[in-house]
Amino acid sequence: MKSLLISVLFVATLTGSLWGQGKYLTNNGQIIFYSHAALEDITAENNNVAGVVDAAAGEVAIIVKMTQFQFEKKMMQEHFNENYVESEKFPKAVFNGKILNNADVKYASKGIYQVQVEGEMTIHGKTKQVSTGGTIEVDAEGIVIRAKFMLNPEDYDITIPDVVRKNIAEALEIRVEMKHLPI
């Protein structure tokens, strides 16, 4: 986990000055993915997602260690890491993006703000432009980012074998909830 936090800090440093007013950090954000298919539903949860938000610049960086996803069935977790996302070869997913309407978020005022985020997501060694809506909730402790969007594994060259194709949805629902604290 320490190396993951160092990686996030490194990415944040590349996107601008890390230390200073308006920076928020987490290393225990949550990402859940859900697959609803004809034969079964699959859910996996990762509660060790690292992220940084630069409120002044409206920049967001998120790093997800793929082996941290937890499944109900151990075999699903093994297949996910070994056969699909190939975690040994591609250990992390990374998102670097910008809050397009960052000026609408009043980081000094409690409230929930609708946001639109756009950026590059890299999964399984493939980078794609993505855009999604979500919210930023400002509270007394920091900010909470929430988003829900669909992700197609094939867009990232993740191949699902025909023998289990009916077990996994073509598009996965991704839910993000990340509590960031000021640094």
N, C-alpha and C. Protein backbone atom coordinates (compact mmCIF):
# COMPACT_ATOMS: atom_id res chain seq x y z
N MET A 1 0.83 -1.19 0.00
CA MET A 1 0.00 0.00 0.00
C MET A 1 0.87 1.25 0.00
N LYS A 2 1.99 1.20 0.72
CA LYS A 2 2.88 2.35 0.77
C LYS A 2 3.38 2.72 -0.63
N SER A 3 3.70 1.71 -1.45
CA SER A 3 4.18 2.00 -2.80
C SER A 3 3.07 2.59 -3.65
N LEU A 4 1.81 2.19 -3.41
CA LEU A 4 0.68 2.75 -4.14
C LEU A 4 0.51 4.23 -3.81
N LEU A 5 0.63 4.58 -2.53
CA LEU A 5 0.51 5.97 -2.11
C LEU A 5 1.65 6.80 -2.71
N ILE A 6 2.84 6.26 -2.72
CA ILE A 6 3.98 6.95 -3.33
C ILE A 6 3.72 7.17 -4.82
N SER A 7 3.13 6.17 -5.49
CA SER A 7 2.80 6.31 -6.92
C SER A 7 1.81 7.44 -7.14
N VAL A 8 0.78 7.54 -6.29
CA VAL A 8 -0.21 8.62 -6.42
C VAL A 8 0.46 9.97 -6.21
N LEU A 9 1.29 10.05 -5.20
CA LEU A 9 1.99 11.32 -4.95
C LEU A 9 2.87 11.70 -6.14
N PHE A 10 3.52 10.73 -6.74
CA PHE A 10 4.35 10.97 -7.92
C PHE A 10 3.51 11.49 -9.08
N VAL A 11 2.37 10.83 -9.35
CA VAL A 11 1.48 11.27 -10.43
C VAL A 11 0.97 12.68 -10.15
N ALA A 12 0.60 12.93 -8.90
CA ALA A 12 0.11 14.26 -8.55
C ALA A 12 1.18 15.32 -8.75
N THR A 13 2.40 14.98 -8.41
CA THR A 13 3.51 15.92 -8.59
C THR A 13 3.72 16.24 -10.06
N LEU A 14 3.53 15.24 -10.92
CA LEU A 14 3.68 15.47 -12.36
C LEU A 14 2.62 16.42 -12.91
N THR A 15 1.43 16.40 -12.29
CA THR A 15 0.34 17.25 -12.80
C THR A 15 0.37 18.64 -12.19
N GLY A 16 1.26 18.90 -11.27
CA GLY A 16 1.35 20.23 -10.67
C GLY A 16 1.86 20.12 -9.25
N SER A 17 2.00 21.24 -8.61
CA SER A 17 2.49 21.26 -7.23
C SER A 17 1.53 20.53 -6.32
N LEU A 18 2.04 19.59 -5.53
CA LEU A 18 1.18 18.79 -4.66
C LEU A 18 0.86 19.53 -3.38
N TRP A 19 1.85 20.08 -2.76
CA TRP A 19 1.64 20.67 -1.45
C TRP A 19 1.12 22.10 -1.58
N GLY A 20 0.09 22.38 -0.83
CA GLY A 20 -0.46 23.72 -0.87
C GLY A 20 -1.95 23.67 -0.71
N GLN A 21 -2.54 24.82 -0.75
CA GLN A 21 -3.97 24.95 -0.52
C GLN A 21 -4.77 24.28 -1.64
N GLY A 22 -5.86 23.60 -1.25
CA GLY A 22 -6.77 23.04 -2.24
C GLY A 22 -6.39 21.67 -2.76
N LYS A 23 -5.53 20.95 -2.05
CA LYS A 23 -5.17 19.59 -2.47
C LYS A 23 -5.82 18.60 -1.51
N TYR A 24 -6.32 17.51 -2.07
CA TYR A 24 -7.00 16.47 -1.27
C TYR A 24 -6.43 15.12 -1.67
N LEU A 25 -6.31 14.22 -0.69
CA LEU A 25 -5.67 12.93 -0.91
C LEU A 25 -6.46 11.81 -0.23
N THR A 26 -6.46 10.63 -0.85
CA THR A 26 -6.99 9.42 -0.22
C THR A 26 -6.15 8.23 -0.64
N ASN A 27 -6.12 7.23 0.20
CA ASN A 27 -5.54 5.95 -0.18
C ASN A 27 -6.48 4.80 0.19
N ASN A 28 -7.72 5.16 0.53
CA ASN A 28 -8.71 4.14 0.84
C ASN A 28 -10.06 4.43 0.19
N GLY A 29 -9.99 4.92 -1.05
CA GLY A 29 -11.20 5.11 -1.82
C GLY A 29 -11.78 3.76 -2.22
N GLN A 30 -13.02 3.79 -2.67
CA GLN A 30 -13.71 2.55 -3.01
C GLN A 30 -14.17 2.56 -4.46
N ILE A 31 -13.88 1.46 -5.15
CA ILE A 31 -14.43 1.23 -6.49
C ILE A 31 -15.07 -0.16 -6.46
N ILE A 32 -16.30 -0.21 -6.93
CA ILE A 32 -17.04 -1.46 -7.03
C ILE A 32 -17.41 -1.65 -8.48
N PHE A 33 -17.19 -2.86 -9.01
CA PHE A 33 -17.74 -3.13 -10.33
C PHE A 33 -18.75 -4.26 -10.24
N TYR A 34 -19.76 -4.13 -11.08
CA TYR A 34 -20.88 -5.05 -11.06
C TYR A 34 -21.18 -5.52 -12.47
N SER A 35 -21.34 -6.82 -12.60
CA SER A 35 -21.69 -7.42 -13.89
C SER A 35 -23.00 -8.18 -13.72
N HIS A 36 -24.00 -7.81 -14.48
CA HIS A 36 -25.26 -8.54 -14.48
C HIS A 36 -25.36 -9.27 -15.82
N ALA A 37 -25.36 -10.59 -15.75
CA ALA A 37 -25.45 -11.40 -16.96
C ALA A 37 -26.53 -12.47 -16.76
N ALA A 38 -26.89 -13.12 -17.85
CA ALA A 38 -27.96 -14.11 -17.81
C ALA A 38 -27.70 -15.22 -16.80
N LEU A 39 -26.47 -15.67 -16.66
CA LEU A 39 -26.18 -16.81 -15.80
C LEU A 39 -25.83 -16.43 -14.36
N GLU A 40 -25.24 -15.25 -14.15
CA GLU A 40 -24.90 -14.87 -12.78
C GLU A 40 -24.55 -13.39 -12.70
N ASP A 41 -24.63 -12.88 -11.47
CA ASP A 41 -24.18 -11.53 -11.17
C ASP A 41 -22.82 -11.63 -10.50
N ILE A 42 -21.94 -10.71 -10.84
CA ILE A 42 -20.60 -10.69 -10.27
C ILE A 42 -20.36 -9.29 -9.72
N THR A 43 -19.87 -9.24 -8.48
CA THR A 43 -19.50 -7.97 -7.86
C THR A 43 -18.10 -8.10 -7.30
N ALA A 44 -17.30 -7.06 -7.49
CA ALA A 44 -15.96 -7.01 -6.90
C ALA A 44 -15.76 -5.62 -6.31
N GLU A 45 -15.07 -5.58 -5.19
CA GLU A 45 -14.89 -4.33 -4.47
C GLU A 45 -13.42 -4.12 -4.14
N ASN A 46 -12.97 -2.89 -4.32
CA ASN A 46 -11.60 -2.50 -3.99
C ASN A 46 -11.69 -1.28 -3.07
N ASN A 47 -11.25 -1.43 -1.83
CA ASN A 47 -11.32 -0.35 -0.85
C ASN A 47 -9.96 0.28 -0.57
N ASN A 48 -9.03 0.09 -1.49
CA ASN A 48 -7.68 0.63 -1.33
C ASN A 48 -7.27 1.46 -2.53
N VAL A 49 -8.20 2.24 -3.04
CA VAL A 49 -7.94 3.06 -4.22
C VAL A 49 -7.31 4.38 -3.78
N ALA A 50 -6.24 4.76 -4.44
CA ALA A 50 -5.52 5.99 -4.12
C ALA A 50 -5.92 7.09 -5.10
N GLY A 51 -6.03 8.30 -4.58
CA GLY A 51 -6.39 9.41 -5.45
C GLY A 51 -5.97 10.74 -4.90
N VAL A 52 -5.84 11.68 -5.80
CA VAL A 52 -5.48 13.04 -5.44
C VAL A 52 -6.36 13.99 -6.26
N VAL A 53 -6.81 15.07 -5.62
CA VAL A 53 -7.58 16.11 -6.31
C VAL A 53 -6.89 17.44 -6.05
N ASP A 54 -6.63 18.17 -7.11
CA ASP A 54 -6.12 19.54 -7.02
C ASP A 54 -7.31 20.44 -7.31
N ALA A 55 -7.92 20.96 -6.24
CA ALA A 55 -9.13 21.75 -6.38
C ALA A 55 -8.90 23.03 -7.19
N ALA A 56 -7.76 23.65 -7.01
CA ALA A 56 -7.48 24.90 -7.73
C ALA A 56 -7.42 24.68 -9.24
N ALA A 57 -6.77 23.60 -9.65
CA ALA A 57 -6.61 23.31 -11.08
C ALA A 57 -7.74 22.44 -11.63
N GLY A 58 -8.53 21.82 -10.74
CA GLY A 58 -9.58 20.92 -11.20
C GLY A 58 -9.06 19.61 -11.74
N GLU A 59 -7.91 19.18 -11.26
CA GLU A 59 -7.28 17.95 -11.76
C GLU A 59 -7.50 16.80 -10.79
N VAL A 60 -7.66 15.60 -11.36
CA VAL A 60 -7.90 14.39 -10.59
C VAL A 60 -6.94 13.31 -11.09
N ALA A 61 -6.34 12.57 -10.14
CA ALA A 61 -5.51 11.41 -10.49
C ALA A 61 -5.94 10.27 -9.58
N ILE A 62 -6.17 9.09 -10.17
CA ILE A 62 -6.60 7.92 -9.42
C ILE A 62 -5.75 6.73 -9.86
N ILE A 63 -5.29 5.96 -8.89
CA ILE A 63 -4.53 4.74 -9.18
C ILE A 63 -5.22 3.58 -8.47
N VAL A 64 -5.50 2.52 -9.23
CA VAL A 64 -6.19 1.35 -8.72
C VAL A 64 -5.27 0.14 -8.86
N LYS A 65 -4.93 -0.47 -7.75
CA LYS A 65 -4.15 -1.70 -7.79
C LYS A 65 -5.12 -2.85 -8.07
N MET A 66 -4.96 -3.51 -9.20
CA MET A 66 -5.94 -4.49 -9.68
C MET A 66 -6.08 -5.70 -8.75
N THR A 67 -5.01 -6.11 -8.10
CA THR A 67 -5.10 -7.28 -7.22
C THR A 67 -5.88 -7.00 -5.94
N GLN A 68 -6.23 -5.74 -5.70
CA GLN A 68 -6.98 -5.40 -4.50
C GLN A 68 -8.49 -5.61 -4.64
N PHE A 69 -8.96 -5.93 -5.84
CA PHE A 69 -10.40 -6.22 -5.99
C PHE A 69 -10.71 -7.54 -5.29
N GLN A 70 -11.75 -7.52 -4.48
CA GLN A 70 -12.17 -8.69 -3.73
C GLN A 70 -13.50 -9.20 -4.29
N PHE A 71 -13.56 -10.49 -4.56
CA PHE A 71 -14.74 -11.15 -5.12
C PHE A 71 -15.35 -12.08 -4.06
N GLU A 72 -16.62 -12.42 -4.25
CA GLU A 72 -17.26 -13.39 -3.36
C GLU A 72 -16.60 -14.76 -3.47
N LYS A 73 -16.26 -15.14 -4.69
CA LYS A 73 -15.68 -16.46 -4.92
C LYS A 73 -14.19 -16.30 -5.26
N LYS A 74 -13.36 -17.06 -4.56
CA LYS A 74 -11.92 -17.00 -4.77
C LYS A 74 -11.55 -17.30 -6.22
N MET A 75 -12.25 -18.24 -6.84
CA MET A 75 -11.94 -18.61 -8.23
C MET A 75 -12.17 -17.43 -9.18
N MET A 76 -13.22 -16.65 -8.94
CA MET A 76 -13.47 -15.46 -9.77
C MET A 76 -12.32 -14.48 -9.66
N GLN A 77 -11.81 -14.31 -8.45
CA GLN A 77 -10.70 -13.39 -8.23
C GLN A 77 -9.45 -13.87 -8.97
N GLU A 78 -9.20 -15.17 -8.92
CA GLU A 78 -8.05 -15.73 -9.63
C GLU A 78 -8.19 -15.54 -11.14
N HIS A 79 -9.37 -15.83 -11.68
CA HIS A 79 -9.59 -15.66 -13.13
C HIS A 79 -9.44 -14.20 -13.53
N PHE A 80 -9.99 -13.30 -12.72
CA PHE A 80 -9.90 -11.86 -12.98
C PHE A 80 -8.44 -11.44 -13.10
N ASN A 81 -7.62 -11.81 -12.11
CA ASN A 81 -6.22 -11.39 -12.06
C ASN A 81 -5.34 -12.11 -13.06
N GLU A 82 -5.55 -13.41 -13.23
CA GLU A 82 -4.66 -14.19 -14.09
C GLU A 82 -5.06 -14.17 -15.56
N ASN A 83 -6.36 -14.27 -15.85
CA ASN A 83 -6.81 -14.46 -17.23
C ASN A 83 -7.34 -13.20 -17.90
N TYR A 84 -7.95 -12.31 -17.16
CA TYR A 84 -8.62 -11.17 -17.79
C TYR A 84 -7.77 -9.90 -17.74
N VAL A 85 -7.53 -9.37 -16.54
CA VAL A 85 -6.76 -8.11 -16.47
C VAL A 85 -5.25 -8.35 -16.41
N GLU A 86 -4.85 -9.61 -16.25
CA GLU A 86 -3.43 -9.97 -16.22
C GLU A 86 -2.67 -9.05 -15.27
N SER A 87 -3.06 -9.10 -14.00
CA SER A 87 -2.53 -8.19 -12.99
C SER A 87 -1.01 -8.23 -12.82
N GLU A 88 -0.42 -9.36 -13.08
CA GLU A 88 1.04 -9.44 -12.96
C GLU A 88 1.71 -8.55 -14.03
N LYS A 89 1.15 -8.55 -15.23
CA LYS A 89 1.69 -7.75 -16.33
C LYS A 89 1.20 -6.30 -16.28
N PHE A 90 -0.07 -6.11 -15.86
CA PHE A 90 -0.69 -4.78 -15.80
C PHE A 90 -1.24 -4.57 -14.39
N PRO A 91 -0.38 -4.25 -13.42
CA PRO A 91 -0.80 -4.22 -12.01
C PRO A 91 -1.73 -3.08 -11.61
N LYS A 92 -1.78 -2.02 -12.40
CA LYS A 92 -2.55 -0.84 -12.01
C LYS A 92 -3.42 -0.33 -13.14
N ALA A 93 -4.54 0.25 -12.74
CA ALA A 93 -5.35 1.07 -13.64
C ALA A 93 -5.14 2.50 -13.18
N VAL A 94 -5.08 3.43 -14.13
CA VAL A 94 -4.81 4.83 -13.80
C VAL A 94 -5.80 5.73 -14.53
N PHE A 95 -6.30 6.73 -13.82
CA PHE A 95 -7.11 7.77 -14.44
C PHE A 95 -6.47 9.11 -14.13
N ASN A 96 -6.26 9.91 -15.16
CA ASN A 96 -5.80 11.29 -15.03
C ASN A 96 -6.79 12.16 -15.77
N GLY A 97 -7.44 13.06 -15.04
CA GLY A 97 -8.47 13.85 -15.69
C GLY A 97 -8.65 15.22 -15.10
N LYS A 98 -9.66 15.87 -15.63
CA LYS A 98 -9.97 17.25 -15.27
C LYS A 98 -11.47 17.37 -15.00
N ILE A 99 -11.81 18.13 -13.98
CA ILE A 99 -13.20 18.45 -13.69
C ILE A 99 -13.57 19.63 -14.59
N LEU A 100 -14.42 19.36 -15.58
CA LEU A 100 -14.69 20.38 -16.60
C LEU A 100 -15.40 21.61 -16.04
N ASN A 101 -16.27 21.41 -15.07
CA ASN A 101 -16.99 22.54 -14.49
C ASN A 101 -16.51 22.80 -13.06
N ASN A 102 -15.21 22.74 -12.84
CA ASN A 102 -14.62 22.90 -11.52
C ASN A 102 -15.00 24.23 -10.87
N ALA A 103 -15.20 25.27 -11.65
CA ALA A 103 -15.57 26.59 -11.10
C ALA A 103 -16.91 26.55 -10.38
N ASP A 104 -17.75 25.56 -10.70
CA ASP A 104 -19.06 25.43 -10.05
C ASP A 104 -18.96 24.82 -8.65
N VAL A 105 -17.83 24.21 -8.33
CA VAL A 105 -17.66 23.56 -7.03
C VAL A 105 -17.09 24.58 -6.04
N LYS A 106 -17.83 24.79 -4.98
CA LYS A 106 -17.38 25.72 -3.92
C LYS A 106 -16.73 24.90 -2.82
N TYR A 107 -15.42 24.69 -2.93
CA TYR A 107 -14.69 23.82 -2.02
C TYR A 107 -14.70 24.33 -0.58
N ALA A 108 -15.02 25.60 -0.37
CA ALA A 108 -15.07 26.17 0.98
C ALA A 108 -16.49 26.12 1.56
N SER A 109 -17.47 25.64 0.78
CA SER A 109 -18.87 25.62 1.24
C SER A 109 -19.42 24.21 1.19
N LYS A 110 -19.97 23.77 2.32
CA LYS A 110 -20.58 22.44 2.37
C LYS A 110 -21.68 22.35 1.33
N GLY A 111 -21.77 21.18 0.69
CA GLY A 111 -22.81 20.96 -0.30
C GLY A 111 -22.43 19.84 -1.25
N ILE A 112 -23.38 19.49 -2.11
CA ILE A 112 -23.14 18.48 -3.13
C ILE A 112 -23.22 19.16 -4.48
N TYR A 113 -22.18 19.00 -5.27
CA TYR A 113 -22.05 19.67 -6.55
C TYR A 113 -21.98 18.65 -7.68
N GLN A 114 -22.78 18.86 -8.71
CA GLN A 114 -22.73 18.01 -9.90
C GLN A 114 -21.50 18.39 -10.71
N VAL A 115 -20.74 17.37 -11.15
CA VAL A 115 -19.54 17.64 -11.92
C VAL A 115 -19.49 16.76 -13.16
N GLN A 116 -18.73 17.21 -14.13
CA GLN A 116 -18.44 16.44 -15.33
C GLN A 116 -16.92 16.29 -15.39
N VAL A 117 -16.46 15.04 -15.50
CA VAL A 117 -15.03 14.75 -15.49
C VAL A 117 -14.64 14.11 -16.81
N GLU A 118 -13.50 14.52 -17.32
CA GLU A 118 -12.99 13.99 -18.58
C GLU A 118 -11.50 13.73 -18.44
N GLY A 119 -11.04 12.65 -19.04
CA GLY A 119 -9.61 12.38 -18.97
C GLY A 119 -9.24 11.08 -19.62
N GLU A 120 -8.05 10.61 -19.30
CA GLU A 120 -7.53 9.37 -19.87
C GLU A 120 -7.53 8.27 -18.82
N MET A 121 -8.09 7.13 -19.19
CA MET A 121 -8.07 5.96 -18.33
C MET A 121 -7.22 4.90 -19.00
N THR A 122 -6.30 4.35 -18.21
CA THR A 122 -5.44 3.27 -18.69
C THR A 122 -5.74 2.02 -17.88
N ILE A 123 -6.16 0.98 -18.59
CA ILE A 123 -6.43 -0.32 -17.99
C ILE A 123 -5.83 -1.36 -18.94
N HIS A 124 -5.17 -2.36 -18.38
CA HIS A 124 -4.64 -3.47 -19.18
C HIS A 124 -3.70 -2.96 -20.27
N GLY A 125 -3.00 -1.85 -19.96
CA GLY A 125 -2.03 -1.29 -20.90
C GLY A 125 -2.62 -0.46 -22.02
N LYS A 126 -3.93 -0.27 -22.04
CA LYS A 126 -4.59 0.48 -23.11
C LYS A 126 -5.19 1.76 -22.52
N THR A 127 -4.94 2.89 -23.18
CA THR A 127 -5.43 4.18 -22.72
C THR A 127 -6.55 4.67 -23.63
N LYS A 128 -7.63 5.13 -22.99
CA LYS A 128 -8.78 5.66 -23.73
C LYS A 128 -9.26 6.94 -23.07
N GLN A 129 -9.82 7.83 -23.89
CA GLN A 129 -10.48 9.03 -23.38
C GLN A 129 -11.82 8.61 -22.79
N VAL A 130 -12.13 9.12 -21.60
CA VAL A 130 -13.42 8.83 -20.97
C VAL A 130 -14.01 10.12 -20.43
N SER A 131 -15.32 10.11 -20.31
CA SER A 131 -16.05 11.25 -19.76
C SER A 131 -17.22 10.70 -18.96
N THR A 132 -17.45 11.27 -17.79
CA THR A 132 -18.57 10.83 -16.97
C THR A 132 -19.01 11.95 -16.05
N GLY A 133 -20.22 11.84 -15.58
CA GLY A 133 -20.75 12.75 -14.59
C GLY A 133 -20.60 12.15 -13.21
N GLY A 134 -20.73 13.00 -12.21
CA GLY A 134 -20.65 12.54 -10.83
C GLY A 134 -20.94 13.69 -9.90
N THR A 135 -20.58 13.48 -8.64
CA THR A 135 -20.77 14.55 -7.65
C THR A 135 -19.51 14.70 -6.82
N ILE A 136 -19.34 15.90 -6.32
CA ILE A 136 -18.35 16.17 -5.27
C ILE A 136 -19.13 16.73 -4.10
N GLU A 137 -19.02 16.03 -2.97
CA GLU A 137 -19.66 16.51 -1.75
C GLU A 137 -18.58 17.12 -0.87
N VAL A 138 -18.78 18.38 -0.51
CA VAL A 138 -17.87 19.07 0.39
C VAL A 138 -18.47 18.98 1.78
N ASP A 139 -17.67 18.46 2.74
CA ASP A 139 -18.14 18.39 4.12
C ASP A 139 -17.06 18.96 5.03
N ALA A 140 -17.27 18.85 6.32
CA ALA A 140 -16.34 19.45 7.29
C ALA A 140 -14.96 18.81 7.25
N GLU A 141 -14.86 17.56 6.79
CA GLU A 141 -13.59 16.85 6.81
C GLU A 141 -12.81 16.95 5.51
N GLY A 142 -13.50 17.12 4.40
CA GLY A 142 -12.84 17.15 3.09
C GLY A 142 -13.86 17.06 1.98
N ILE A 143 -13.58 16.21 0.98
CA ILE A 143 -14.51 16.04 -0.13
C ILE A 143 -14.73 14.55 -0.40
N VAL A 144 -15.91 14.24 -0.90
CA VAL A 144 -16.24 12.88 -1.31
C VAL A 144 -16.62 12.92 -2.79
N ILE A 145 -15.91 12.16 -3.59
CA ILE A 145 -16.21 12.07 -5.02
C ILE A 145 -17.02 10.80 -5.24
N ARG A 146 -18.13 10.94 -5.97
CA ARG A 146 -18.96 9.79 -6.32
C ARG A 146 -19.24 9.83 -7.82
N ALA A 147 -19.20 8.66 -8.43
CA ALA A 147 -19.52 8.56 -9.86
C ALA A 147 -20.00 7.15 -10.14
N LYS A 148 -20.78 7.02 -11.19
CA LYS A 148 -21.23 5.72 -11.67
C LYS A 148 -21.22 5.79 -13.19
N PHE A 149 -20.58 4.78 -13.81
CA PHE A 149 -20.50 4.77 -15.27
C PHE A 149 -20.34 3.33 -15.74
N MET A 150 -20.45 3.14 -17.02
CA MET A 150 -20.31 1.82 -17.64
C MET A 150 -18.94 1.72 -18.30
N LEU A 151 -18.35 0.52 -18.23
CA LEU A 151 -17.05 0.27 -18.81
C LEU A 151 -17.11 -1.05 -19.56
N ASN A 152 -16.65 -1.03 -20.81
CA ASN A 152 -16.62 -2.24 -21.63
C ASN A 152 -15.21 -2.82 -21.60
N PRO A 153 -15.03 -4.02 -21.02
CA PRO A 153 -13.68 -4.61 -20.95
C PRO A 153 -12.98 -4.73 -22.30
N GLU A 154 -13.74 -4.99 -23.36
CA GLU A 154 -13.15 -5.15 -24.69
C GLU A 154 -12.53 -3.85 -25.20
N ASP A 155 -13.01 -2.70 -24.70
CA ASP A 155 -12.39 -1.42 -25.08
C ASP A 155 -10.94 -1.34 -24.60
N TYR A 156 -10.59 -2.16 -23.61
CA TYR A 156 -9.25 -2.16 -23.05
C TYR A 156 -8.52 -3.47 -23.37
N ASP A 157 -8.92 -4.10 -24.47
CA ASP A 157 -8.29 -5.34 -24.94
C ASP A 157 -8.32 -6.46 -23.89
N ILE A 158 -9.37 -6.46 -23.07
CA ILE A 158 -9.58 -7.55 -22.12
C ILE A 158 -10.52 -8.53 -22.79
N THR A 159 -10.02 -9.71 -23.05
CA THR A 159 -10.78 -10.72 -23.78
C THR A 159 -11.48 -11.65 -22.80
N ILE A 160 -12.77 -11.84 -23.02
CA ILE A 160 -13.55 -12.78 -22.22
C ILE A 160 -13.74 -14.04 -23.07
N PRO A 161 -13.24 -15.18 -22.62
CA PRO A 161 -13.38 -16.41 -23.41
C PRO A 161 -14.85 -16.78 -23.65
N ASP A 162 -15.13 -17.36 -24.81
CA ASP A 162 -16.49 -17.74 -25.17
C ASP A 162 -17.14 -18.64 -24.13
N VAL A 163 -16.36 -19.50 -23.49
CA VAL A 163 -16.91 -20.47 -22.54
C VAL A 163 -17.57 -19.77 -21.33
N VAL A 164 -17.13 -18.56 -20.99
CA VAL A 164 -17.74 -17.83 -19.86
C VAL A 164 -18.38 -16.51 -20.30
N ARG A 165 -18.49 -16.29 -21.60
CA ARG A 165 -19.03 -15.03 -22.12
C ARG A 165 -20.42 -14.73 -21.57
N LYS A 166 -21.26 -15.76 -21.40
CA LYS A 166 -22.63 -15.53 -20.89
C LYS A 166 -22.65 -15.26 -19.39
N ASN A 167 -21.52 -15.45 -18.73
CA ASN A 167 -21.43 -15.21 -17.29
C ASN A 167 -21.04 -13.76 -16.96
N ILE A 168 -20.54 -13.04 -17.96
CA ILE A 168 -20.02 -11.70 -17.72
C ILE A 168 -20.69 -10.72 -18.68
N ALA A 169 -21.20 -9.62 -18.13
CA ALA A 169 -21.87 -8.62 -18.94
C ALA A 169 -20.89 -7.98 -19.92
N GLU A 170 -21.42 -7.53 -21.06
CA GLU A 170 -20.56 -6.83 -22.03
C GLU A 170 -20.04 -5.52 -21.48
N ALA A 171 -20.87 -4.85 -20.68
CA ALA A 171 -20.45 -3.60 -20.04
C ALA A 171 -20.63 -3.75 -18.53
N LEU A 172 -19.62 -3.35 -17.79
CA LEU A 172 -19.65 -3.43 -16.34
C LEU A 172 -20.06 -2.09 -15.75
N GLU A 173 -20.87 -2.14 -14.71
CA GLU A 173 -21.21 -0.92 -13.99
C GLU A 173 -20.10 -0.64 -12.98
N ILE A 174 -19.55 0.56 -13.03
CA ILE A 174 -18.47 0.96 -12.13
C ILE A 174 -19.02 2.04 -11.20
N ARG A 175 -18.87 1.82 -9.89
CA ARG A 175 -19.28 2.82 -8.88
C ARG A 175 -18.04 3.26 -8.11
N VAL A 176 -17.88 4.56 -7.99
CA VAL A 176 -16.72 5.15 -7.33
C VAL A 176 -17.20 5.98 -6.15
N GLU A 177 -16.57 5.78 -5.00
CA GLU A 177 -16.80 6.65 -3.84
C GLU A 177 -15.47 6.81 -3.13
N MET A 178 -14.96 8.04 -3.14
CA MET A 178 -13.63 8.30 -2.60
C MET A 178 -13.66 9.52 -1.69
N LYS A 179 -13.41 9.29 -0.41
CA LYS A 179 -13.33 10.36 0.59
C LYS A 179 -11.89 10.88 0.61
N HIS A 180 -11.71 12.12 0.21
CA HIS A 180 -10.40 12.76 0.17
C HIS A 180 -10.28 13.74 1.34
N LEU A 181 -9.14 13.75 1.99
CA LEU A 181 -8.87 14.69 3.07
C LEU A 181 -7.87 15.74 2.60
N PRO A 182 -7.97 16.96 3.14
CA PRO A 182 -7.02 18.00 2.73
C PRO A 182 -5.60 17.65 3.16
N ILE A 183 -4.64 18.07 2.34
CA ILE A 183 -3.24 17.86 2.69
C ILE A 183 -2.53 19.20 2.75
